[in-house]
């Protein structure tokens, strides 16, 4: 239910393309019920990752995330670091709340924007329970405080064991506008919780310009 990282995240103002790495996440869970969906091998990265050619936006905090195909519409809070330098998790009790790492890129901005949330809690499914059911080509919309909407198209949805987590591929600071959405997943045990993470990879496919917040 907390978040663990092996290394500290990058500052928010690093040069584009710097190979900066965060550690693997693990959002522990102790909730009963049906296991969350797991992406199939057909949704894994195939060839080179697409590069966004959409002009990026400036910085602005995200306030909502929407994934129309699974009818997700949730507020977004900011995530910082705890006293040990680990990324904080969104409050566990709020099942419909995602978190954005404020030390990275804003959604729509050049760089790699990182969002995370719980897959479930003791009360049942949480905000990213259906993340593993997404498919390549699905879109994620992120509403920003300035009224702009950053629309990302997914090109891979994968599950990674935490012992072999591809830090560089997930967290590298991109030269274009990229998105990573992360929750826990994979094998589950009562002793250790989830053994890995589901990661959705997206590139910026469209934007609406700043205006009245949605």
N, C-alpha and C. Protein backbone atom coordinates (compact mmCIF):
# COMPACT_ATOMS: atom_id res chain seq x y z
N UNK A 1 0.82 -1.21 0.00
CA UNK A 1 0.00 0.00 0.00
C UNK A 1 0.85 1.26 0.00
N UNK A 2 2.14 1.14 0.38
CA UNK A 2 3.06 2.25 0.24
C UNK A 2 3.75 2.19 -1.09
N UNK A 3 4.71 3.06 -1.28
CA UNK A 3 5.48 3.10 -2.51
C UNK A 3 6.94 2.97 -2.17
N UNK A 4 7.65 2.12 -2.89
CA UNK A 4 9.07 1.93 -2.64
C UNK A 4 9.85 2.30 -3.89
N UNK A 5 10.99 2.90 -3.71
CA UNK A 5 11.88 3.21 -4.81
C UNK A 5 13.30 2.89 -4.39
N UNK A 6 14.13 2.47 -5.35
CA UNK A 6 15.50 2.14 -5.02
C UNK A 6 16.44 3.32 -5.20
N UNK A 7 16.05 4.29 -6.01
CA UNK A 7 16.87 5.48 -6.23
C UNK A 7 15.98 6.70 -6.27
N UNK A 8 16.58 7.86 -6.07
CA UNK A 8 15.81 9.09 -6.05
C UNK A 8 15.45 9.55 -7.45
N UNK A 9 14.34 10.29 -7.61
CA UNK A 9 13.90 10.78 -8.90
C UNK A 9 14.69 11.99 -9.35
N UNK A 10 14.50 12.33 -10.64
CA UNK A 10 15.22 13.46 -11.19
C UNK A 10 14.61 14.78 -10.78
N UNK A 11 15.37 15.86 -10.77
CA UNK A 11 14.77 17.18 -10.61
C UNK A 11 13.88 17.50 -11.80
N UNK A 12 13.02 18.49 -11.67
CA UNK A 12 12.08 18.79 -12.74
C UNK A 12 12.65 19.61 -13.88
N UNK A 13 13.89 20.03 -13.81
CA UNK A 13 14.41 20.95 -14.83
C UNK A 13 15.65 20.40 -15.51
N UNK A 14 15.74 19.08 -15.65
CA UNK A 14 16.91 18.50 -16.30
C UNK A 14 16.77 18.56 -17.82
N UNK A 15 17.89 18.52 -18.51
CA UNK A 15 17.89 18.57 -19.97
C UNK A 15 17.15 17.38 -20.54
N UNK A 16 16.41 17.61 -21.63
CA UNK A 16 15.67 16.54 -22.27
C UNK A 16 16.62 15.45 -22.73
N UNK A 17 16.22 14.20 -22.55
CA UNK A 17 17.02 13.08 -23.01
C UNK A 17 17.99 12.54 -21.98
N UNK A 18 18.11 13.17 -20.82
CA UNK A 18 19.02 12.65 -19.81
C UNK A 18 18.50 11.30 -19.31
N UNK A 19 19.37 10.33 -19.22
CA UNK A 19 18.97 8.98 -18.81
C UNK A 19 18.93 8.92 -17.29
N UNK A 20 17.86 9.43 -16.72
CA UNK A 20 17.70 9.51 -15.27
C UNK A 20 16.69 8.47 -14.82
N UNK A 21 16.96 7.85 -13.70
CA UNK A 21 16.24 6.65 -13.34
C UNK A 21 15.64 6.75 -11.96
N UNK A 22 14.39 6.36 -11.85
CA UNK A 22 13.76 6.13 -10.56
C UNK A 22 13.79 4.64 -10.27
N UNK A 23 13.62 4.29 -9.02
CA UNK A 23 13.55 2.88 -8.69
C UNK A 23 12.18 2.31 -8.96
N UNK A 24 12.08 0.99 -8.92
CA UNK A 24 10.81 0.31 -9.17
C UNK A 24 9.82 0.58 -8.03
N UNK A 25 8.57 0.69 -8.40
CA UNK A 25 7.50 0.90 -7.44
C UNK A 25 6.95 -0.43 -6.97
N UNK A 26 6.38 -0.41 -5.79
CA UNK A 26 5.53 -1.51 -5.36
C UNK A 26 4.45 -0.93 -4.47
N UNK A 27 3.23 -0.91 -4.97
CA UNK A 27 2.09 -0.45 -4.19
C UNK A 27 1.46 -1.68 -3.55
N UNK A 28 1.79 -1.91 -2.30
CA UNK A 28 1.32 -3.13 -1.62
C UNK A 28 -0.18 -3.07 -1.40
N UNK A 29 -0.79 -4.24 -1.35
CA UNK A 29 -2.22 -4.33 -1.13
C UNK A 29 -2.54 -5.59 -0.33
N UNK A 30 -3.55 -5.48 0.53
CA UNK A 30 -3.95 -6.67 1.26
C UNK A 30 -5.39 -7.01 1.05
N UNK A 31 -6.00 -6.47 0.02
CA UNK A 31 -7.42 -6.62 -0.18
C UNK A 31 -7.81 -7.95 -0.81
N UNK A 32 -8.95 -8.50 -0.40
CA UNK A 32 -9.45 -9.73 -1.00
C UNK A 32 -10.17 -9.44 -2.31
N UNK A 33 -10.60 -10.52 -2.99
CA UNK A 33 -11.40 -10.34 -4.19
C UNK A 33 -10.68 -10.82 -5.43
N UNK A 34 -11.34 -10.65 -6.56
CA UNK A 34 -10.79 -11.10 -7.83
C UNK A 34 -9.53 -10.33 -8.17
N UNK A 35 -8.54 -11.01 -8.74
CA UNK A 35 -7.31 -10.30 -9.11
C UNK A 35 -7.57 -9.31 -10.23
N UNK A 36 -6.81 -8.22 -10.28
CA UNK A 36 -7.00 -7.23 -11.34
C UNK A 36 -6.53 -7.79 -12.68
N UNK A 37 -6.99 -7.21 -13.79
CA UNK A 37 -6.57 -7.67 -15.11
C UNK A 37 -5.06 -7.53 -15.29
N UNK A 38 -4.50 -8.44 -16.07
CA UNK A 38 -3.07 -8.42 -16.39
C UNK A 38 -2.93 -8.30 -17.90
N UNK A 39 -2.11 -7.39 -18.40
CA UNK A 39 -1.98 -7.23 -19.84
C UNK A 39 -1.39 -8.47 -20.50
N UNK A 40 -1.88 -8.80 -21.69
CA UNK A 40 -1.35 -9.92 -22.44
C UNK A 40 -0.08 -9.55 -23.18
N UNK A 41 0.60 -10.57 -23.69
CA UNK A 41 1.86 -10.33 -24.39
C UNK A 41 1.67 -9.48 -25.64
N UNK A 42 0.46 -9.50 -26.21
CA UNK A 42 0.21 -8.71 -27.41
C UNK A 42 0.25 -7.21 -27.15
N UNK A 43 0.17 -6.82 -25.86
CA UNK A 43 0.18 -5.39 -25.52
C UNK A 43 1.58 -4.89 -25.17
N UNK A 44 2.57 -5.76 -25.21
CA UNK A 44 3.93 -5.36 -24.87
C UNK A 44 4.52 -4.48 -25.96
N UNK A 45 5.58 -3.78 -25.61
CA UNK A 45 6.26 -2.91 -26.55
C UNK A 45 6.74 -3.72 -27.74
N UNK A 46 6.43 -3.23 -28.93
CA UNK A 46 6.81 -3.91 -30.17
C UNK A 46 7.67 -2.96 -31.00
N UNK A 47 8.94 -3.27 -31.13
CA UNK A 47 9.83 -2.41 -31.88
C UNK A 47 10.18 -1.16 -31.09
N UNK A 48 10.36 -0.05 -31.81
CA UNK A 48 10.73 1.20 -31.18
C UNK A 48 9.50 1.92 -30.62
N UNK A 49 9.70 2.62 -29.52
CA UNK A 49 8.62 3.39 -28.93
C UNK A 49 8.29 4.58 -29.82
N UNK A 50 6.99 4.88 -30.05
CA UNK A 50 6.62 6.04 -30.84
C UNK A 50 7.10 7.34 -30.19
N UNK A 51 7.38 8.31 -31.00
CA UNK A 51 7.80 9.63 -30.55
C UNK A 51 6.71 10.64 -30.88
N UNK A 52 6.34 11.44 -29.90
CA UNK A 52 5.31 12.44 -30.12
C UNK A 52 5.83 13.56 -31.02
N UNK A 53 4.98 13.97 -31.99
CA UNK A 53 5.31 15.12 -32.83
C UNK A 53 4.36 16.29 -32.55
N UNK A 54 3.52 16.13 -31.52
CA UNK A 54 2.61 17.19 -31.12
C UNK A 54 3.39 18.23 -30.32
N UNK A 55 3.23 19.52 -30.62
CA UNK A 55 3.93 20.54 -29.83
C UNK A 55 3.59 20.42 -28.35
N UNK A 56 4.58 20.33 -27.48
CA UNK A 56 4.30 20.17 -26.05
C UNK A 56 3.74 21.44 -25.44
N UNK A 57 3.11 21.26 -24.29
CA UNK A 57 2.59 22.38 -23.52
C UNK A 57 3.63 22.82 -22.49
N UNK A 58 3.37 23.95 -21.88
CA UNK A 58 4.19 24.40 -20.76
C UNK A 58 3.80 23.66 -19.49
N UNK A 59 4.44 23.97 -18.38
CA UNK A 59 4.13 23.28 -17.12
C UNK A 59 2.79 23.71 -16.54
N UNK A 60 2.07 22.76 -15.97
CA UNK A 60 0.84 23.01 -15.24
C UNK A 60 0.45 21.73 -14.53
N UNK A 61 0.03 21.83 -13.28
CA UNK A 61 -0.33 20.64 -12.51
C UNK A 61 -1.55 19.94 -13.11
N UNK A 62 -1.55 18.61 -13.13
CA UNK A 62 -2.76 17.88 -13.52
C UNK A 62 -3.79 17.91 -12.40
N UNK A 63 -5.06 17.93 -12.81
CA UNK A 63 -6.13 17.92 -11.80
C UNK A 63 -7.09 16.75 -11.96
N UNK A 64 -7.16 16.14 -13.16
CA UNK A 64 -8.00 14.97 -13.37
C UNK A 64 -7.37 14.07 -14.42
N UNK A 65 -7.65 12.78 -14.29
CA UNK A 65 -7.28 11.81 -15.31
C UNK A 65 -8.54 11.10 -15.77
N UNK A 66 -8.66 10.94 -17.10
CA UNK A 66 -9.81 10.25 -17.66
C UNK A 66 -9.32 9.18 -18.63
N UNK A 67 -9.87 7.99 -18.50
CA UNK A 67 -9.61 6.91 -19.46
C UNK A 67 -10.96 6.43 -19.95
N UNK A 68 -11.42 6.98 -21.07
CA UNK A 68 -12.80 6.71 -21.50
C UNK A 68 -13.14 5.23 -21.69
N UNK A 69 -12.19 4.44 -22.18
CA UNK A 69 -12.51 3.04 -22.51
C UNK A 69 -12.87 2.23 -21.28
N UNK A 70 -12.40 2.61 -20.10
CA UNK A 70 -12.77 1.91 -18.87
C UNK A 70 -13.59 2.82 -17.94
N UNK A 71 -14.08 3.94 -18.48
CA UNK A 71 -14.94 4.87 -17.75
C UNK A 71 -14.30 5.38 -16.47
N UNK A 72 -13.01 5.61 -16.54
CA UNK A 72 -12.30 6.16 -15.39
C UNK A 72 -12.29 7.68 -15.48
N UNK A 73 -12.65 8.32 -14.38
CA UNK A 73 -12.61 9.78 -14.27
C UNK A 73 -12.30 10.08 -12.81
N UNK A 74 -11.07 10.51 -12.54
CA UNK A 74 -10.63 10.63 -11.16
C UNK A 74 -9.81 11.88 -10.96
N UNK A 75 -9.87 12.46 -9.77
CA UNK A 75 -8.99 13.59 -9.46
C UNK A 75 -7.55 13.14 -9.31
N UNK A 76 -6.64 14.09 -9.44
CA UNK A 76 -5.21 13.81 -9.31
C UNK A 76 -4.63 14.69 -8.22
N UNK A 77 -3.90 14.08 -7.33
CA UNK A 77 -3.18 14.82 -6.30
C UNK A 77 -1.69 14.83 -6.64
N UNK A 78 -0.92 15.64 -5.95
CA UNK A 78 0.52 15.67 -6.18
C UNK A 78 1.22 14.72 -5.21
N UNK A 79 2.31 14.14 -5.68
CA UNK A 79 3.12 13.23 -4.86
C UNK A 79 4.51 13.82 -4.71
N UNK A 80 5.01 13.78 -3.50
CA UNK A 80 6.37 14.22 -3.24
C UNK A 80 7.20 13.05 -2.74
N UNK A 81 8.21 13.37 -1.96
CA UNK A 81 9.10 12.36 -1.40
C UNK A 81 8.95 12.33 0.12
N UNK A 82 9.11 11.15 0.68
CA UNK A 82 9.07 11.04 2.13
C UNK A 82 10.46 11.33 2.72
N UNK A 83 10.60 11.15 4.00
CA UNK A 83 11.85 11.50 4.69
C UNK A 83 13.03 10.63 4.25
N UNK A 84 12.73 9.49 3.64
CA UNK A 84 13.80 8.59 3.17
C UNK A 84 14.10 8.81 1.69
N UNK A 85 13.43 9.76 1.08
CA UNK A 85 13.64 10.00 -0.34
C UNK A 85 12.84 9.09 -1.24
N UNK A 86 11.84 8.39 -0.68
CA UNK A 86 10.98 7.52 -1.46
C UNK A 86 9.73 8.29 -1.89
N UNK A 87 9.22 7.96 -3.05
CA UNK A 87 8.02 8.61 -3.53
C UNK A 87 6.82 8.24 -2.67
N UNK A 88 6.06 9.22 -2.25
CA UNK A 88 4.86 8.98 -1.47
C UNK A 88 3.77 8.37 -2.35
N UNK A 89 2.89 7.61 -1.74
CA UNK A 89 1.73 7.06 -2.44
C UNK A 89 0.51 7.96 -2.21
N UNK A 90 -0.47 7.91 -3.11
CA UNK A 90 -1.73 8.60 -2.82
C UNK A 90 -2.36 8.00 -1.56
N UNK A 91 -3.19 8.75 -0.87
CA UNK A 91 -3.84 8.20 0.34
C UNK A 91 -4.56 6.90 0.01
N UNK A 92 -4.27 5.88 0.80
CA UNK A 92 -4.81 4.55 0.52
C UNK A 92 -6.32 4.49 0.63
N UNK A 93 -6.89 5.27 1.54
CA UNK A 93 -8.33 5.17 1.80
C UNK A 93 -9.18 5.71 0.66
N UNK A 94 -8.62 6.59 -0.17
CA UNK A 94 -9.39 7.18 -1.27
C UNK A 94 -9.19 6.31 -2.50
N UNK A 95 -10.20 5.52 -2.85
CA UNK A 95 -10.07 4.55 -3.93
C UNK A 95 -10.13 5.19 -5.31
N UNK A 96 -10.59 6.43 -5.40
CA UNK A 96 -10.72 7.09 -6.70
C UNK A 96 -9.80 8.31 -6.76
N UNK A 97 -8.51 8.07 -6.54
CA UNK A 97 -7.55 9.16 -6.53
C UNK A 97 -6.24 8.69 -7.12
N UNK A 98 -5.74 9.42 -8.12
CA UNK A 98 -4.44 9.15 -8.72
C UNK A 98 -3.44 10.17 -8.19
N UNK A 99 -2.16 9.87 -8.38
CA UNK A 99 -1.11 10.77 -7.94
C UNK A 99 -0.14 11.07 -9.06
N UNK A 100 0.36 12.29 -9.08
CA UNK A 100 1.36 12.74 -10.07
C UNK A 100 2.62 13.15 -9.33
N UNK A 101 3.78 12.66 -9.82
CA UNK A 101 5.05 13.05 -9.21
C UNK A 101 5.42 14.45 -9.67
N UNK A 102 5.37 15.39 -8.74
CA UNK A 102 5.54 16.79 -9.09
C UNK A 102 6.99 17.17 -9.39
N UNK A 103 7.93 16.27 -9.14
CA UNK A 103 9.32 16.54 -9.48
C UNK A 103 9.65 16.22 -10.92
N UNK A 104 8.72 15.61 -11.65
CA UNK A 104 8.93 15.29 -13.05
C UNK A 104 8.18 16.24 -13.95
N UNK A 105 8.01 15.83 -15.20
CA UNK A 105 7.32 16.66 -16.17
C UNK A 105 5.83 16.73 -15.87
N UNK A 106 5.23 17.86 -16.18
CA UNK A 106 3.77 17.97 -16.16
C UNK A 106 3.20 17.20 -17.34
N UNK A 107 2.01 16.62 -17.21
CA UNK A 107 1.38 16.01 -18.38
C UNK A 107 1.22 17.04 -19.51
N UNK A 108 1.64 16.65 -20.70
CA UNK A 108 1.63 17.55 -21.84
C UNK A 108 2.95 18.25 -22.07
N UNK A 109 3.78 18.31 -21.05
CA UNK A 109 5.07 18.98 -21.14
C UNK A 109 6.11 18.02 -21.73
N UNK A 110 7.15 18.57 -22.35
CA UNK A 110 8.25 17.73 -22.81
C UNK A 110 8.89 17.03 -21.63
N UNK A 111 9.11 15.73 -21.75
CA UNK A 111 9.66 14.93 -20.68
C UNK A 111 8.77 13.74 -20.39
N UNK A 112 9.01 13.07 -19.28
CA UNK A 112 8.24 11.88 -18.90
C UNK A 112 7.39 12.21 -17.68
N UNK A 113 6.09 12.26 -17.88
CA UNK A 113 5.16 12.50 -16.78
C UNK A 113 4.83 11.17 -16.12
N UNK A 114 4.87 11.13 -14.79
CA UNK A 114 4.65 9.90 -14.03
C UNK A 114 3.38 10.04 -13.19
N UNK A 115 2.42 9.14 -13.42
CA UNK A 115 1.23 9.05 -12.58
C UNK A 115 1.15 7.66 -11.98
N UNK A 116 0.64 7.57 -10.78
CA UNK A 116 0.53 6.28 -10.10
C UNK A 116 -0.69 6.28 -9.21
N UNK A 117 -1.16 5.10 -8.89
CA UNK A 117 -2.29 4.97 -7.99
C UNK A 117 -2.45 3.53 -7.56
N UNK A 118 -3.27 3.31 -6.56
CA UNK A 118 -3.52 1.97 -6.05
C UNK A 118 -4.38 1.18 -7.02
N UNK A 119 -4.14 -0.12 -7.06
CA UNK A 119 -4.97 -1.01 -7.85
C UNK A 119 -6.21 -1.43 -7.06
N UNK A 120 -6.06 -1.54 -5.76
CA UNK A 120 -7.17 -1.87 -4.88
C UNK A 120 -6.76 -1.58 -3.45
N UNK A 121 -7.70 -1.74 -2.55
CA UNK A 121 -7.40 -1.68 -1.12
C UNK A 121 -8.30 -2.67 -0.42
N UNK A 122 -8.36 -2.64 0.87
CA UNK A 122 -9.14 -3.64 1.60
C UNK A 122 -10.64 -3.53 1.34
N UNK A 123 -11.07 -2.40 0.80
CA UNK A 123 -12.49 -2.22 0.49
C UNK A 123 -12.85 -2.67 -0.92
N UNK A 124 -11.84 -2.91 -1.78
CA UNK A 124 -12.13 -3.36 -3.13
C UNK A 124 -11.29 -2.65 -4.17
N UNK A 125 -11.70 -2.73 -5.45
CA UNK A 125 -10.93 -2.12 -6.54
C UNK A 125 -10.74 -0.62 -6.35
N UNK A 126 -9.57 -0.14 -6.76
CA UNK A 126 -9.24 1.28 -6.66
C UNK A 126 -9.02 1.86 -8.06
N UNK A 127 -8.45 3.05 -8.11
CA UNK A 127 -8.47 3.88 -9.31
C UNK A 127 -7.88 3.18 -10.53
N UNK A 128 -6.78 2.45 -10.39
CA UNK A 128 -6.13 1.84 -11.55
C UNK A 128 -6.32 0.32 -11.60
N UNK A 129 -7.45 -0.14 -11.06
CA UNK A 129 -7.76 -1.57 -11.09
C UNK A 129 -7.78 -2.11 -12.53
N UNK A 130 -8.28 -1.31 -13.46
CA UNK A 130 -8.44 -1.77 -14.85
C UNK A 130 -7.26 -1.41 -15.75
N UNK A 131 -6.16 -0.93 -15.17
CA UNK A 131 -5.05 -0.51 -16.01
C UNK A 131 -4.54 -1.66 -16.88
N UNK A 132 -4.50 -2.86 -16.33
CA UNK A 132 -4.01 -4.01 -17.08
C UNK A 132 -4.94 -4.47 -18.19
N UNK A 133 -6.17 -3.94 -18.22
CA UNK A 133 -7.12 -4.29 -19.28
C UNK A 133 -7.01 -3.38 -20.49
N UNK A 134 -6.20 -2.32 -20.40
CA UNK A 134 -6.07 -1.40 -21.52
C UNK A 134 -5.31 -2.06 -22.66
N UNK A 135 -5.47 -1.47 -23.85
CA UNK A 135 -4.84 -2.01 -25.05
C UNK A 135 -4.10 -0.91 -25.78
N UNK A 136 -3.14 -1.31 -26.57
CA UNK A 136 -2.44 -0.34 -27.40
C UNK A 136 -3.44 0.41 -28.28
N UNK A 137 -3.26 1.71 -28.35
CA UNK A 137 -4.19 2.56 -29.09
C UNK A 137 -5.22 3.25 -28.22
N UNK A 138 -5.46 2.74 -27.00
CA UNK A 138 -6.37 3.43 -26.08
C UNK A 138 -5.77 4.78 -25.69
N UNK A 139 -6.65 5.69 -25.30
CA UNK A 139 -6.20 7.05 -24.98
C UNK A 139 -6.46 7.40 -23.53
N UNK A 140 -5.55 8.18 -22.98
CA UNK A 140 -5.68 8.71 -21.63
C UNK A 140 -5.68 10.22 -21.71
N UNK A 141 -6.67 10.85 -21.09
CA UNK A 141 -6.81 12.30 -21.10
C UNK A 141 -6.47 12.83 -19.71
N UNK A 142 -5.62 13.84 -19.66
CA UNK A 142 -5.25 14.44 -18.39
C UNK A 142 -5.56 15.92 -18.44
N UNK A 143 -6.47 16.32 -17.57
CA UNK A 143 -6.89 17.72 -17.48
C UNK A 143 -5.94 18.45 -16.54
N UNK A 144 -5.49 19.62 -16.98
CA UNK A 144 -4.50 20.39 -16.22
C UNK A 144 -5.15 21.61 -15.57
N UNK A 145 -4.45 22.16 -14.60
CA UNK A 145 -4.99 23.31 -13.86
C UNK A 145 -5.17 24.53 -14.75
N UNK A 146 -4.41 24.62 -15.85
CA UNK A 146 -4.55 25.77 -16.75
C UNK A 146 -5.69 25.60 -17.75
N UNK A 147 -6.42 24.48 -17.66
CA UNK A 147 -7.54 24.23 -18.56
C UNK A 147 -7.19 23.42 -19.78
N UNK A 148 -5.91 23.24 -20.06
CA UNK A 148 -5.50 22.42 -21.20
C UNK A 148 -5.73 20.94 -20.87
N UNK A 149 -5.88 20.14 -21.92
CA UNK A 149 -6.00 18.69 -21.78
C UNK A 149 -4.90 18.04 -22.61
N UNK A 150 -4.11 17.19 -21.97
CA UNK A 150 -3.08 16.42 -22.65
C UNK A 150 -3.64 15.04 -22.93
N UNK A 151 -3.66 14.65 -24.20
CA UNK A 151 -4.21 13.36 -24.61
C UNK A 151 -3.07 12.46 -25.06
N UNK A 152 -2.91 11.36 -24.37
CA UNK A 152 -1.84 10.40 -24.68
C UNK A 152 -2.43 9.15 -25.32
N UNK A 153 -1.72 8.60 -26.29
CA UNK A 153 -2.09 7.32 -26.89
C UNK A 153 -1.14 6.25 -26.38
N UNK A 154 -1.71 5.14 -25.92
CA UNK A 154 -0.90 4.07 -25.36
C UNK A 154 -0.27 3.24 -26.47
N UNK A 155 0.99 2.90 -26.28
CA UNK A 155 1.68 2.04 -27.23
C UNK A 155 2.21 0.77 -26.57
N UNK A 156 2.06 0.63 -25.28
CA UNK A 156 2.44 -0.61 -24.59
C UNK A 156 1.81 -0.60 -23.21
N UNK A 157 1.39 -1.80 -22.76
CA UNK A 157 0.95 -2.02 -21.39
C UNK A 157 1.60 -3.32 -20.96
N UNK A 158 2.43 -3.24 -19.94
CA UNK A 158 3.24 -4.39 -19.55
C UNK A 158 3.17 -4.61 -18.04
N UNK A 159 3.46 -5.82 -17.62
CA UNK A 159 3.61 -6.12 -16.21
C UNK A 159 5.07 -6.52 -15.98
N UNK A 160 5.68 -5.91 -14.97
CA UNK A 160 7.09 -6.13 -14.68
C UNK A 160 7.26 -6.62 -13.24
N UNK A 161 8.01 -7.70 -13.09
CA UNK A 161 8.37 -8.16 -11.75
C UNK A 161 9.26 -7.11 -11.09
N UNK A 162 9.04 -6.85 -9.82
CA UNK A 162 9.82 -5.79 -9.16
C UNK A 162 11.30 -6.14 -9.05
N UNK A 163 11.64 -7.43 -9.12
CA UNK A 163 13.03 -7.83 -9.04
C UNK A 163 13.76 -7.62 -10.37
N UNK A 164 13.01 -7.39 -11.43
CA UNK A 164 13.61 -7.19 -12.75
C UNK A 164 12.93 -6.02 -13.44
N UNK A 165 12.74 -4.94 -12.69
CA UNK A 165 12.00 -3.78 -13.19
C UNK A 165 12.88 -2.96 -14.13
N UNK A 166 12.38 -2.62 -15.34
CA UNK A 166 13.19 -1.87 -16.30
C UNK A 166 13.21 -0.38 -15.99
N UNK A 167 13.94 0.01 -14.96
CA UNK A 167 13.96 1.40 -14.50
C UNK A 167 14.20 2.39 -15.63
N UNK A 168 15.21 2.10 -16.43
CA UNK A 168 15.61 3.06 -17.45
C UNK A 168 14.51 3.28 -18.47
N UNK A 169 13.88 2.20 -18.92
CA UNK A 169 12.83 2.32 -19.93
C UNK A 169 11.60 3.03 -19.37
N UNK A 170 11.27 2.78 -18.12
CA UNK A 170 10.07 3.38 -17.53
C UNK A 170 10.28 4.84 -17.17
N UNK A 171 11.43 5.15 -16.56
CA UNK A 171 11.59 6.45 -15.94
C UNK A 171 12.53 7.42 -16.66
N UNK A 172 13.16 6.98 -17.74
CA UNK A 172 14.09 7.87 -18.41
C UNK A 172 13.38 9.17 -18.83
N UNK A 173 14.06 10.29 -18.63
CA UNK A 173 13.52 11.58 -19.03
C UNK A 173 13.52 11.66 -20.56
N UNK A 174 12.34 11.67 -21.16
CA UNK A 174 12.20 11.61 -22.61
C UNK A 174 12.49 12.97 -23.25
N UNK A 175 12.90 12.92 -24.51
CA UNK A 175 13.13 14.15 -25.27
C UNK A 175 11.83 14.71 -25.82
N UNK A 176 10.79 13.86 -25.93
CA UNK A 176 9.47 14.31 -26.36
C UNK A 176 8.54 14.23 -25.15
N UNK A 177 7.24 14.28 -25.37
CA UNK A 177 6.27 14.24 -24.28
C UNK A 177 5.74 12.82 -24.12
N UNK A 178 6.09 12.19 -23.02
CA UNK A 178 5.72 10.80 -22.75
C UNK A 178 4.97 10.71 -21.42
N UNK A 179 4.25 9.59 -21.26
CA UNK A 179 3.49 9.33 -20.04
C UNK A 179 3.75 7.91 -19.58
N UNK A 180 3.84 7.73 -18.26
CA UNK A 180 3.85 6.42 -17.64
C UNK A 180 2.78 6.42 -16.54
N UNK A 181 1.92 5.43 -16.58
CA UNK A 181 0.91 5.25 -15.54
C UNK A 181 1.19 3.90 -14.89
N UNK A 182 1.32 3.89 -13.57
CA UNK A 182 1.84 2.73 -12.86
C UNK A 182 0.93 2.35 -11.70
N UNK A 183 0.71 1.05 -11.57
CA UNK A 183 0.03 0.52 -10.40
C UNK A 183 0.65 -0.83 -10.07
N UNK A 184 0.22 -1.45 -8.99
CA UNK A 184 0.78 -2.75 -8.68
C UNK A 184 0.02 -3.85 -9.42
N UNK A 185 0.67 -5.00 -9.57
CA UNK A 185 0.07 -6.10 -10.30
C UNK A 185 0.99 -7.29 -10.33
N UNK A 186 0.66 -8.23 -11.19
CA UNK A 186 1.43 -9.46 -11.26
C UNK A 186 1.03 -10.44 -10.18
N UNK A 187 1.93 -11.34 -9.85
CA UNK A 187 1.64 -12.35 -8.82
C UNK A 187 1.39 -11.68 -7.47
N UNK A 188 0.61 -12.35 -6.64
CA UNK A 188 0.24 -11.81 -5.33
C UNK A 188 0.43 -12.87 -4.26
N UNK A 189 0.94 -12.46 -3.13
CA UNK A 189 1.04 -13.36 -1.98
C UNK A 189 0.64 -12.59 -0.72
N UNK A 190 0.11 -13.33 0.26
CA UNK A 190 -0.27 -12.68 1.51
C UNK A 190 0.94 -12.09 2.23
N UNK A 191 2.09 -12.70 2.05
CA UNK A 191 3.29 -12.25 2.75
C UNK A 191 3.87 -10.98 2.13
N UNK A 192 3.91 -10.91 0.80
CA UNK A 192 4.60 -9.82 0.14
C UNK A 192 3.68 -8.88 -0.64
N UNK A 193 2.40 -9.21 -0.76
CA UNK A 193 1.52 -8.39 -1.59
C UNK A 193 1.78 -8.66 -3.06
N UNK A 194 1.57 -7.65 -3.88
CA UNK A 194 1.84 -7.80 -5.31
C UNK A 194 3.34 -7.86 -5.57
N UNK A 195 3.71 -8.71 -6.49
CA UNK A 195 5.12 -8.94 -6.78
C UNK A 195 5.68 -8.04 -7.87
N UNK A 196 4.84 -7.22 -8.47
CA UNK A 196 5.32 -6.39 -9.57
C UNK A 196 4.42 -5.20 -9.82
N UNK A 197 4.55 -4.66 -11.01
CA UNK A 197 3.81 -3.46 -11.40
C UNK A 197 3.30 -3.57 -12.83
N UNK A 198 2.11 -3.06 -13.05
CA UNK A 198 1.60 -2.84 -14.39
C UNK A 198 1.97 -1.42 -14.80
N UNK A 199 2.53 -1.27 -15.98
CA UNK A 199 2.95 0.03 -16.49
C UNK A 199 2.32 0.26 -17.85
N UNK A 200 1.63 1.37 -18.01
CA UNK A 200 1.10 1.80 -19.31
C UNK A 200 2.00 2.91 -19.86
N UNK A 201 2.42 2.75 -21.11
CA UNK A 201 3.32 3.68 -21.78
C UNK A 201 2.54 4.45 -22.84
N UNK A 202 2.67 5.78 -22.84
CA UNK A 202 1.95 6.57 -23.83
C UNK A 202 2.78 7.73 -24.37
N UNK A 203 2.43 8.18 -25.57
CA UNK A 203 3.04 9.37 -26.16
C UNK A 203 1.95 10.42 -26.36
N UNK A 204 2.34 11.69 -26.33
CA UNK A 204 1.38 12.78 -26.48
C UNK A 204 0.85 12.78 -27.91
N UNK A 205 -0.48 12.58 -28.03
CA UNK A 205 -1.11 12.47 -29.34
C UNK A 205 -1.93 13.70 -29.71
N UNK A 206 -2.33 14.48 -28.70
CA UNK A 206 -3.17 15.65 -28.98
C UNK A 206 -3.20 16.52 -27.73
N UNK A 207 -3.54 17.78 -27.92
CA UNK A 207 -3.74 18.69 -26.79
C UNK A 207 -4.87 19.65 -27.12
N UNK A 208 -5.51 20.12 -26.07
CA UNK A 208 -6.32 21.32 -26.20
C UNK A 208 -5.59 22.41 -25.46
N UNK A 209 -5.65 23.60 -25.96
CA UNK A 209 -4.86 24.68 -25.39
C UNK A 209 -5.43 25.15 -24.08
N UNK A 210 -4.64 25.85 -23.26
CA UNK A 210 -5.13 26.34 -21.97
C UNK A 210 -6.37 27.21 -22.10
N UNK A 211 -7.24 27.04 -21.15
CA UNK A 211 -8.49 27.79 -21.12
C UNK A 211 -9.16 27.57 -19.81
N UNK A 212 -10.46 27.51 -19.81
CA UNK A 212 -11.23 27.27 -18.60
C UNK A 212 -11.06 25.83 -18.16
N UNK A 213 -10.64 25.55 -16.91
CA UNK A 213 -10.47 24.17 -16.46
C UNK A 213 -11.74 23.37 -16.64
N UNK A 214 -11.58 22.09 -17.06
CA UNK A 214 -12.73 21.21 -17.28
C UNK A 214 -13.27 20.70 -15.94
